[in-house]
Amino acid sequence: MSGAMIFIKEDLKINDTQIEVLAGILNLCALIGSLTAGRTSDYIGRRYTIVLASALFLLGSILMGYGPNYAVLMIGRCVAGVGVGFALMIAPVYTAEISSSAHRGKLSSLPEFCISFGILLGYVSNYLFGKLSLTLGWRLMLGVAAIPSLFLAIGVLKMPESPRWLVMKGRLRDAWEVLLSVSNSRHEAETRFHDIKLAAGVINEMQSVDSVTISNNSQTECALWKELLIKPTPAVRWIFFAAIGIHFFEHAAGIEAVILYSPRIFKAAGIVSKNKLLLATIGVGVTKCVFNLVAASLLDKLGRRPLLLTSTGGAVAALIALGLGLTVVEHSKEKVSWALGLSIAATYIYMAFFSIGLAPITWVYSSEIFPLKFRGIGGGLGVAVNRSINAAVSMSFISISKAITIGGAFFMFAGLATLAWLFFYFFLPETKGKSLEEIQMMFAKRAQAN
């Protein structure tokens, strides 16, 4: 959408407000998907929830690619948005639940890398399709997403179901077979099976793998919501606060403004050619991909907290530099080369710092801290907050930049990123190397200590 908006505005003759709504409506609709996905994944399983998300992506892409008018384009964007909500909630949960504690950080960060790689492919395809006619080019930019959607739906059916979901459903034999296939040794599989059964509330932890007696399976959805939101234990309250906080600050730090409106940022910095604008956005995508890969290699070595604090601190500095550069360019009557260079460099530096920590760790951390019975609805609420802030930023950035200048908008994001750093420092303990069940015990002990 980032590159397509340049051409949609010209072809469909729409204004900036309509562009903002088109950009942000996906995230508002993702709220529906994220709030539904948790319980959907508990009912039909993690794999089939991903299949459902893929089907929504496919339909949304076809509608946007057809896009004869603004209304159809909005409908397609909304359908795709519901799919986004499903996918963003279920991908990290599924990955965390099939991964061992030693490799969970690396594997759980892969969805974020793949999102980044998808964004990069989007930027590249925008550049290539931008050379076509006005009416055809942007429709292909949006419609081409149907191809990977189809591959995802088919490919995920070859993957195993989550062993934790299988245990929760009383399918212990199936869960044991999956654990044997995704563990490095039989001993590791036995240890993980033991921990999962305890967390799921299996009445007799030593019973055979054919047993199906689950103590907490009878809890109604209403009871779970009440236990999470109204009468949580101190540990669950802290976990919920940490998950909501990290999702809030991921987008309050301004990432959507940079990804979605990078052509507008580069244009404000002095780049005016459409081809050069699209080429500059490819650099943003490359930076995001490269540093997501770096993060994946470091998550299980350095831990979540060091990367998260370094990432957020670097993002604050880059946002201040970007705000300064754009402010100088905007208020100068002549071309100021150093301010232009600073603005472009700060955009890439911001993306690098954001991608090395805050981007992947948001999803890794929130997927691994919730107890098993809350993982579906807790993860869904986290994604709902994530998409809400994403929508707020994407639907208001143009208006904010007009009201307080584009440089002022990034100074505002720098202030929010500073608050994020303080939140992470005081409220997010390290989870590296701990099993999902050990993480829950850690939060319980810390809550009692406080």
Protein backbone atom coordinates (compact mmCIF):
# COMPACT_ATOMS: atom_id res chain seq x y z
CA MET A 1 0.00 0.00 0.00
CA SER A 2 2.91 2.37 0.68
CA GLY A 3 3.85 2.71 -2.98
CA ALA A 4 0.38 2.03 -4.36
CA MET A 5 -1.07 5.06 -2.57
CA ILE A 6 1.03 7.37 -4.76
CA PHE A 7 -0.83 6.08 -7.83
CA ILE A 8 -4.26 5.39 -6.25
CA LYS A 9 -4.63 9.04 -5.28
CA GLU A 10 -3.95 10.12 -8.86
CA ASP A 11 -6.07 7.43 -10.55
CA LEU A 12 -9.16 7.50 -8.31
CA LYS A 13 -8.93 11.25 -7.61
CA ILE A 14 -9.20 10.88 -3.82
CA ASN A 15 -8.03 13.30 -1.12
CA ASP A 16 -5.58 12.97 1.79
CA THR A 17 -8.33 12.06 4.27
CA GLN A 18 -9.47 9.18 2.07
CA ILE A 19 -5.84 8.06 1.77
CA GLU A 20 -5.49 8.05 5.57
CA VAL A 21 -8.67 6.01 5.95
CA LEU A 22 -7.54 3.57 3.26
CA ALA A 23 -4.17 3.16 4.96
CA GLY A 24 -5.56 2.69 8.46
CA ILE A 25 -8.78 0.74 7.87
CA LEU A 26 -6.81 -2.50 7.57
CA ASN A 27 -5.71 -2.21 11.18
CA LEU A 28 -9.17 -1.33 12.46
CA CYS A 29 -10.54 -4.43 10.75
CA ALA A 30 -7.62 -6.41 12.15
CA LEU A 31 -9.18 -5.77 15.58
CA ILE A 32 -12.05 -8.05 14.58
CA GLY A 33 -9.63 -10.76 13.50
CA SER A 34 -7.37 -10.49 16.54
CA LEU A 35 -10.23 -10.56 19.06
CA THR A 36 -11.79 -13.53 17.28
CA ALA A 37 -8.60 -15.44 16.52
CA GLY A 38 -7.81 -16.42 20.12
CA ARG A 39 -10.96 -18.40 20.73
CA THR A 40 -11.06 -19.58 17.10
CA SER A 41 -7.59 -21.08 17.52
CA ASP A 42 -8.70 -22.73 20.76
CA TYR A 43 -11.66 -24.34 18.98
CA ILE A 44 -10.30 -25.37 15.55
CA GLY A 45 -6.56 -25.46 16.30
CA ARG A 46 -3.60 -23.26 15.47
CA ARG A 47 -3.01 -24.66 11.97
CA TYR A 48 -6.55 -24.22 10.67
CA THR A 49 -6.65 -20.68 12.05
CA ILE A 50 -3.65 -19.89 9.84
CA VAL A 51 -5.51 -21.47 6.89
CA LEU A 52 -8.49 -19.23 7.63
CA ALA A 53 -6.22 -16.17 7.71
CA SER A 54 -4.77 -17.21 4.34
CA ALA A 55 -8.22 -17.48 2.79
CA LEU A 56 -9.04 -13.96 3.97
CA PHE A 57 -5.74 -12.66 2.56
CA LEU A 58 -6.55 -14.31 -0.77
CA LEU A 59 -10.04 -12.81 -1.00
CA GLY A 60 -8.88 -9.37 0.13
CA SER A 61 -6.02 -9.32 -2.39
CA ILE A 62 -8.32 -10.26 -5.27
CA LEU A 63 -10.80 -7.52 -4.35
CA MET A 64 -8.04 -4.88 -4.04
CA GLY A 65 -6.43 -6.00 -7.28
CA TYR A 66 -9.80 -5.67 -9.03
CA GLY A 67 -10.50 -2.28 -7.35
CA PRO A 68 -12.74 -0.51 -9.93
CA ASN A 69 -13.52 2.20 -7.37
CA TYR A 70 -12.73 3.41 -3.86
CA ALA A 71 -15.59 1.42 -2.24
CA VAL A 72 -14.43 -1.98 -3.57
CA LEU A 73 -10.84 -1.11 -2.67
CA MET A 74 -11.96 -0.39 0.92
CA ILE A 75 -13.91 -3.67 1.13
CA GLY A 76 -10.86 -5.63 -0.03
CA ARG A 77 -8.66 -3.78 2.45
CA CYS A 78 -11.13 -4.61 5.26
CA VAL A 79 -11.24 -8.32 4.39
CA ALA A 80 -7.45 -8.45 4.28
CA GLY A 81 -7.41 -6.62 7.62
CA VAL A 82 -9.41 -9.33 9.34
CA GLY A 83 -6.89 -11.82 7.98
CA VAL A 84 -4.05 -9.69 9.37
CA GLY A 85 -5.65 -9.85 12.81
CA PHE A 86 -5.87 -13.64 12.66
CA ALA A 87 -2.34 -14.07 11.37
CA LEU A 88 -0.61 -11.65 13.74
CA MET A 89 -2.17 -13.35 16.74
CA ILE A 90 -1.69 -16.97 15.72
CA ALA A 91 1.73 -17.03 14.01
CA PRO A 92 3.84 -16.21 17.10
CA VAL A 93 1.65 -18.35 19.37
CA TYR A 94 1.94 -21.37 17.07
CA THR A 95 5.69 -20.91 16.71
CA ALA A 96 6.24 -20.50 20.47
CA GLU A 97 4.18 -23.60 21.24
CA ILE A 98 6.10 -25.96 18.96
CA SER A 99 9.56 -24.54 19.80
CA SER A 100 11.93 -25.68 22.54
CA SER A 101 13.04 -23.08 25.10
CA ALA A 102 16.60 -23.10 23.69
CA HIS A 103 15.46 -21.99 20.22
CA ARG A 104 12.12 -20.30 20.92
CA GLY A 105 13.46 -16.74 20.60
CA LYS A 106 15.01 -17.37 17.20
CA LEU A 107 12.02 -19.28 15.83
CA SER A 108 9.39 -16.96 17.30
CA SER A 109 11.12 -13.99 15.67
CA LEU A 110 10.82 -15.60 12.22
CA PRO A 111 7.23 -14.37 11.67
CA GLU A 112 8.51 -10.81 12.13
CA PHE A 113 11.36 -11.47 9.69
CA CYS A 114 8.92 -12.90 7.18
CA ILE A 115 6.69 -9.84 7.58
CA SER A 116 9.75 -7.71 6.89
CA PHE A 117 10.64 -9.83 3.87
CA GLY A 118 7.06 -9.45 2.65
CA ILE A 119 7.30 -5.67 3.05
CA LEU A 120 10.55 -5.73 1.07
CA LEU A 121 8.92 -7.78 -1.71
CA GLY A 122 6.08 -5.26 -1.67
CA TYR A 123 8.51 -2.36 -2.11
CA VAL A 124 10.33 -4.17 -4.93
CA SER A 125 7.10 -5.12 -6.71
CA ASN A 126 5.88 -1.52 -6.31
CA TYR A 127 9.03 -0.30 -8.05
CA LEU A 128 8.60 -2.80 -10.90
CA PHE A 129 4.82 -2.41 -11.33
CA GLY A 130 5.20 1.37 -11.02
CA LYS A 131 6.62 1.34 -14.55
CA LEU A 132 3.28 0.08 -15.94
CA SER A 133 0.26 2.17 -16.82
CA LEU A 134 -1.44 4.18 -14.06
CA THR A 135 -4.60 2.05 -13.98
CA LEU A 136 -2.84 -1.33 -14.11
CA GLY A 137 0.28 -0.77 -12.00
CA TRP A 138 -1.19 -0.17 -8.54
CA ARG A 139 -3.80 -2.91 -9.00
CA LEU A 140 -1.03 -5.44 -9.61
CA MET A 141 0.86 -4.07 -6.59
CA LEU A 142 -2.10 -5.07 -4.38
CA GLY A 143 -3.43 -8.12 -6.26
CA VAL A 144 -0.11 -9.99 -6.40
CA ALA A 145 -0.44 -10.73 -2.65
CA ALA A 146 -2.96 -13.46 -3.57
CA ILE A 147 -0.08 -15.72 -4.70
CA PRO A 148 1.76 -16.10 -1.35
CA SER A 149 -1.63 -16.34 0.41
CA LEU A 150 -2.40 -19.48 -1.57
CA PHE A 151 1.01 -21.01 -0.87
CA LEU A 152 0.62 -20.32 2.86
CA ALA A 153 -2.77 -22.05 3.03
CA ILE A 154 -1.38 -25.16 1.35
CA GLY A 155 1.98 -25.19 3.12
CA VAL A 156 0.71 -24.90 6.68
CA LEU A 157 -1.37 -28.08 6.25
CA LYS A 158 1.94 -29.97 6.04
CA MET A 159 2.96 -28.64 9.46
CA PRO A 160 2.22 -30.38 12.79
CA GLU A 161 -0.48 -29.07 15.11
CA SER A 162 0.59 -27.36 18.33
CA PRO A 163 1.29 -30.00 21.02
CA ARG A 164 -0.01 -27.63 23.70
CA TRP A 165 -3.33 -27.25 21.89
CA LEU A 166 -3.53 -31.03 21.45
CA VAL A 167 -2.97 -31.56 25.19
CA MET A 168 -5.57 -28.89 25.98
CA LYS A 169 -8.02 -30.89 23.87
CA GLY A 170 -7.10 -34.17 25.59
CA ARG A 171 -5.33 -35.60 22.52
CA LEU A 172 -2.26 -36.70 24.47
CA ARG A 173 -1.17 -39.40 22.03
CA ASP A 174 -1.13 -36.91 19.13
CA ALA A 175 0.70 -34.34 21.28
CA TRP A 176 3.37 -36.89 22.24
CA GLU A 177 3.99 -37.79 18.59
CA VAL A 178 4.33 -34.12 17.64
CA LEU A 179 6.77 -33.50 20.49
CA LEU A 180 8.89 -36.44 19.36
CA SER A 181 9.08 -34.90 15.89
CA VAL A 182 9.96 -31.34 17.01
CA SER A 183 12.34 -32.13 19.91
CA ASN A 184 16.06 -32.82 19.69
CA SER A 185 15.84 -35.96 21.83
CA ARG A 186 13.34 -38.26 23.50
CA HIS A 187 14.38 -36.88 26.89
CA GLU A 188 13.58 -33.32 25.76
CA ALA A 189 10.21 -34.51 24.44
CA GLU A 190 9.44 -36.20 27.77
CA THR A 191 10.39 -33.08 29.73
CA ARG A 192 8.28 -30.81 27.54
CA PHE A 193 5.37 -33.27 27.64
CA HIS A 194 5.54 -33.37 31.44
CA ASP A 195 5.55 -29.54 31.72
CA ILE A 196 2.74 -29.09 29.21
CA LYS A 197 0.50 -31.61 31.00
CA LEU A 198 1.05 -29.85 34.31
CA ALA A 199 0.28 -26.44 32.78
CA ALA A 200 -2.84 -27.82 31.07
CA GLY A 201 -4.09 -29.29 34.35
CA VAL A 202 -3.87 -33.00 33.58
CA ILE A 203 -5.12 -34.59 36.80
CA ASN A 204 -2.46 -37.27 36.96
CA GLU A 205 0.78 -36.10 35.38
CA MET A 206 2.14 -39.67 35.20
CA GLN A 207 -0.85 -41.08 33.34
CA SER A 208 -0.45 -42.61 29.90
CA VAL A 209 -0.37 -40.61 26.71
CA ASP A 210 -3.76 -42.04 25.78
CA SER A 211 -5.48 -40.36 28.72
CA VAL A 212 -7.73 -37.40 28.07
CA THR A 213 -8.65 -36.05 31.50
CA ILE A 214 -8.01 -32.31 31.55
CA SER A 215 -9.00 -30.39 34.65
CA ASN A 216 -9.32 -26.88 33.22
CA ASN A 217 -10.93 -27.78 29.92
CA SER A 218 -14.40 -27.19 31.32
CA GLN A 219 -13.86 -23.49 31.94
CA THR A 220 -16.28 -21.38 29.96
CA GLU A 221 -15.10 -18.51 27.80
CA CYS A 222 -16.88 -16.09 30.13
CA ALA A 223 -14.98 -17.49 33.12
CA LEU A 224 -11.65 -17.09 31.32
CA TRP A 225 -12.36 -13.46 30.45
CA LYS A 226 -13.42 -12.80 34.03
CA GLU A 227 -10.28 -14.45 35.40
CA LEU A 228 -8.06 -12.45 33.03
CA LEU A 229 -9.68 -9.00 33.21
CA ILE A 230 -11.79 -8.73 36.36
CA LYS A 231 -10.25 -10.96 39.02
CA PRO A 232 -6.74 -11.82 37.83
CA THR A 233 -4.08 -13.17 40.15
CA PRO A 234 -1.15 -10.79 40.78
CA ALA A 235 0.98 -12.82 38.33
CA VAL A 236 -1.66 -12.78 35.57
CA ARG A 237 -2.21 -9.04 36.12
CA TRP A 238 1.50 -8.36 35.63
CA ILE A 239 1.66 -10.62 32.56
CA PHE A 240 -1.36 -8.90 31.03
CA PHE A 241 0.08 -5.43 31.79
CA ALA A 242 3.42 -6.39 30.23
CA ALA A 243 1.82 -7.84 27.07
CA ILE A 244 -0.52 -4.88 26.52
CA GLY A 245 2.29 -2.41 27.21
CA ILE A 246 4.77 -3.87 24.74
CA HIS A 247 2.11 -4.05 22.01
CA PHE A 248 1.07 -0.44 22.69
CA PHE A 249 4.59 0.97 22.55
CA GLU A 250 5.66 -0.98 19.45
CA HIS A 251 3.47 1.25 17.28
CA ALA A 252 3.36 4.33 19.52
CA ALA A 253 7.08 4.62 18.67
CA GLY A 254 6.10 5.56 15.10
CA ILE A 255 7.02 2.51 13.00
CA GLU A 256 3.85 2.67 10.91
CA ALA A 257 4.56 6.28 9.98
CA VAL A 258 7.96 5.24 8.63
CA ILE A 259 6.82 2.08 6.80
CA LEU A 260 3.56 3.34 5.33
CA TYR A 261 4.52 6.93 4.66
CA SER A 262 8.21 6.56 3.82
CA PRO A 263 7.64 7.97 0.29
CA ARG A 264 6.07 11.06 1.90
CA ILE A 265 9.00 11.35 4.33
CA PHE A 266 11.55 11.12 1.52
CA LYS A 267 9.53 13.62 -0.52
CA ALA A 268 9.55 16.04 2.43
CA ALA A 269 13.31 15.52 2.62
CA GLY A 270 13.71 16.60 -1.00
CA ILE A 271 13.27 13.50 -3.23
CA VAL A 272 10.52 14.23 -5.77
CA SER A 273 10.80 11.61 -8.55
CA LYS A 274 8.29 8.73 -8.16
CA ASN A 275 10.89 6.17 -9.25
CA LYS A 276 13.43 7.51 -6.77
CA LEU A 277 10.82 7.56 -4.01
CA LEU A 278 9.97 3.89 -4.64
CA LEU A 279 13.68 3.02 -4.87
CA ALA A 280 14.34 4.75 -1.53
CA THR A 281 11.57 2.69 0.12
CA ILE A 282 13.28 -0.51 -1.06
CA GLY A 283 16.23 0.54 1.11
CA VAL A 284 13.86 0.72 4.09
CA GLY A 285 12.68 -2.82 3.38
CA VAL A 286 16.23 -4.16 2.99
CA THR A 287 17.28 -2.56 6.28
CA LYS A 288 14.29 -4.04 8.10
CA CYS A 289 14.99 -7.54 6.73
CA VAL A 290 18.72 -7.52 7.47
CA PHE A 291 18.34 -6.38 11.06
CA ASN A 292 15.47 -8.77 11.73
CA LEU A 293 17.86 -11.56 10.77
CA VAL A 294 20.48 -10.12 13.12
CA ALA A 295 17.87 -10.06 15.89
CA ALA A 296 16.93 -13.70 15.25
CA SER A 297 20.57 -14.74 15.70
CA LEU A 298 20.96 -12.75 18.95
CA LEU A 299 17.66 -13.30 20.77
CA ASP A 300 18.63 -16.62 22.36
CA LYS A 301 22.22 -15.50 23.01
CA LEU A 302 21.86 -12.01 24.47
CA GLY A 303 18.30 -12.25 25.75
CA ARG A 304 15.18 -10.16 25.29
CA ARG A 305 15.88 -7.23 27.65
CA PRO A 306 19.33 -6.14 26.34
CA LEU A 307 18.12 -6.13 22.74
CA LEU A 308 14.84 -4.44 23.61
CA LEU A 309 16.45 -1.62 25.60
CA THR A 310 19.21 -1.09 23.00
CA SER A 311 16.66 -1.09 20.20
CA THR A 312 14.35 1.42 21.86
CA GLY A 313 17.20 3.73 22.91
CA GLY A 314 18.58 3.78 19.37
CA ALA A 315 15.09 4.44 17.98
CA VAL A 316 14.74 7.49 20.28
CA ALA A 317 18.02 8.97 18.98
CA ALA A 318 17.08 8.27 15.33
CA LEU A 319 13.62 9.84 15.73
CA ILE A 320 15.15 13.00 17.21
CA ALA A 321 17.60 13.18 14.29
CA LEU A 322 14.80 12.59 11.77
CA GLY A 323 12.65 15.29 13.35
CA LEU A 324 15.58 17.71 13.30
CA GLY A 325 16.48 17.00 9.67
CA LEU A 326 12.89 17.34 8.39
CA THR A 327 12.35 20.52 10.40
CA VAL A 328 15.43 22.15 8.89
CA VAL A 329 14.42 21.09 5.34
CA GLU A 330 10.87 22.37 5.83
CA HIS A 331 11.90 25.79 7.15
CA SER A 332 14.80 26.41 4.74
CA LYS A 333 14.22 28.37 1.55
CA GLU A 334 17.22 26.71 -0.09
CA LYS A 335 18.20 23.06 -0.40
CA VAL A 336 20.14 22.01 2.72
CA SER A 337 22.19 18.96 1.76
CA TRP A 338 23.19 17.95 5.28
CA ALA A 339 19.57 18.05 6.50
CA LEU A 340 18.45 15.98 3.49
CA GLY A 341 21.20 13.43 4.18
CA LEU A 342 20.39 13.40 7.91
CA SER A 343 16.70 12.75 7.25
CA ILE A 344 17.39 9.83 4.92
CA ALA A 345 20.10 8.35 7.16
CA ALA A 346 17.93 8.74 10.29
CA THR A 347 15.07 6.88 8.57
CA TYR A 348 17.32 3.90 7.85
CA ILE A 349 18.98 4.02 11.30
CA TYR A 350 15.56 4.11 12.97
CA MET A 351 14.46 1.09 10.96
CA ALA A 352 17.67 -0.77 11.87
CA PHE A 353 17.30 -0.17 15.61
CA PHE A 354 13.58 -0.88 15.59
CA SER A 355 14.08 -4.15 13.69
CA ILE A 356 16.85 -5.49 15.90
CA GLY A 357 14.72 -5.50 19.04
CA LEU A 358 11.32 -3.90 19.40
CA ALA A 359 9.83 -5.41 16.24
CA PRO A 360 10.56 -9.13 16.84
CA ILE A 361 10.59 -9.08 20.66
CA THR A 362 7.05 -7.67 20.87
CA TRP A 363 5.74 -10.88 19.32
CA VAL A 364 8.21 -13.26 20.96
CA TYR A 365 7.66 -11.86 24.44
CA SER A 366 3.87 -11.60 24.33
CA SER A 367 3.54 -15.12 22.92
CA GLU A 368 5.65 -16.74 25.64
CA ILE A 369 4.46 -15.10 28.87
CA PHE A 370 0.74 -15.99 28.96
CA PRO A 371 -0.33 -19.19 30.77
CA LEU A 372 -1.67 -21.85 28.41
CA LYS A 373 -5.36 -21.28 29.16
CA PHE A 374 -5.03 -17.53 28.54
CA ARG A 375 -2.73 -17.75 25.53
CA GLY A 376 -5.53 -17.52 22.99
CA ILE A 377 -7.57 -14.66 24.44
CA GLY A 378 -4.53 -12.89 25.93
CA GLY A 379 -2.69 -13.00 22.62
CA GLY A 380 -5.82 -11.74 20.86
CA LEU A 381 -6.13 -8.76 23.20
CA GLY A 382 -2.46 -7.93 22.69
CA VAL A 383 -2.88 -7.92 18.93
CA ALA A 384 -6.06 -5.82 19.29
CA VAL A 385 -4.08 -3.15 21.13
CA ASN A 386 -1.27 -3.45 18.57
CA ARG A 387 -3.65 -2.93 15.65
CA SER A 388 -5.52 -0.10 17.41
CA ILE A 389 -2.35 1.95 17.87
CA ASN A 390 -1.22 1.01 14.37
CA ALA A 391 -4.54 2.29 13.00
CA ALA A 392 -4.36 5.46 15.10
CA VAL A 393 -0.89 6.28 13.73
CA SER A 394 -1.60 5.36 10.11
CA MET A 395 -4.95 7.19 10.01
CA SER A 396 -3.71 10.36 11.67
CA PHE A 397 -0.09 10.84 10.53
CA ILE A 398 -0.88 13.13 7.61
CA SER A 399 -3.19 15.24 9.76
CA ILE A 400 -0.67 15.39 12.62
CA SER A 401 2.17 16.33 10.28
CA LYS A 402 0.05 19.15 8.85
CA ALA A 403 -0.87 20.37 12.34
CA ILE A 404 2.57 20.28 14.01
CA THR A 405 4.80 19.80 10.91
CA ILE A 406 6.27 16.48 9.80
CA GLY A 407 9.39 17.12 11.89
CA GLY A 408 7.24 17.82 14.94
CA ALA A 409 5.42 14.52 14.42
CA PHE A 410 8.70 12.62 14.74
CA PHE A 411 9.70 14.60 17.84
CA MET A 412 6.39 13.41 19.31
CA PHE A 413 7.25 9.80 18.44
CA ALA A 414 10.65 10.27 20.09
CA GLY A 415 8.92 11.25 23.33
CA LEU A 416 6.67 8.19 23.19
CA ALA A 417 9.67 5.95 22.49
CA THR A 418 11.37 7.36 25.60
CA LEU A 419 8.34 6.34 27.68
CA ALA A 420 8.56 2.90 26.05
CA TRP A 421 12.18 2.50 27.19
CA LEU A 422 11.21 3.30 30.78
CA PHE A 423 8.30 0.84 30.67
CA PHE A 424 10.46 -1.97 29.34
CA TYR A 425 13.17 -1.31 31.93
CA PHE A 426 10.86 -1.47 34.93
CA PHE A 427 8.19 -3.99 33.94
CA LEU A 428 9.63 -6.61 31.55
CA PRO A 429 11.82 -9.32 33.17
CA GLU A 430 14.13 -11.54 31.12
CA THR A 431 12.62 -14.76 29.68
CA LYS A 432 15.61 -16.13 27.76
CA GLY A 433 16.23 -19.87 28.14
CA LYS A 434 13.12 -20.54 30.24
CA SER A 435 10.32 -22.89 29.27
CA LEU A 436 6.86 -21.38 28.87
CA GLU A 437 5.87 -22.98 32.16
CA GLU A 438 8.98 -21.63 33.97
CA ILE A 439 8.19 -18.12 32.73
CA GLN A 440 4.77 -18.25 34.36
CA MET A 441 6.34 -19.39 37.66
CA MET A 442 8.85 -16.49 37.42
CA PHE A 443 6.06 -13.92 37.06
CA ALA A 444 4.22 -15.52 40.00
CA LYS A 445 7.30 -15.26 42.25
CA ARG A 446 8.00 -11.66 41.21
CA ALA A 447 4.37 -10.70 41.81
CA GLN A 448 4.49 -12.21 45.32
CA ALA A 449 7.77 -10.39 46.03
CA ASN A 450 6.16 -7.07 45.11
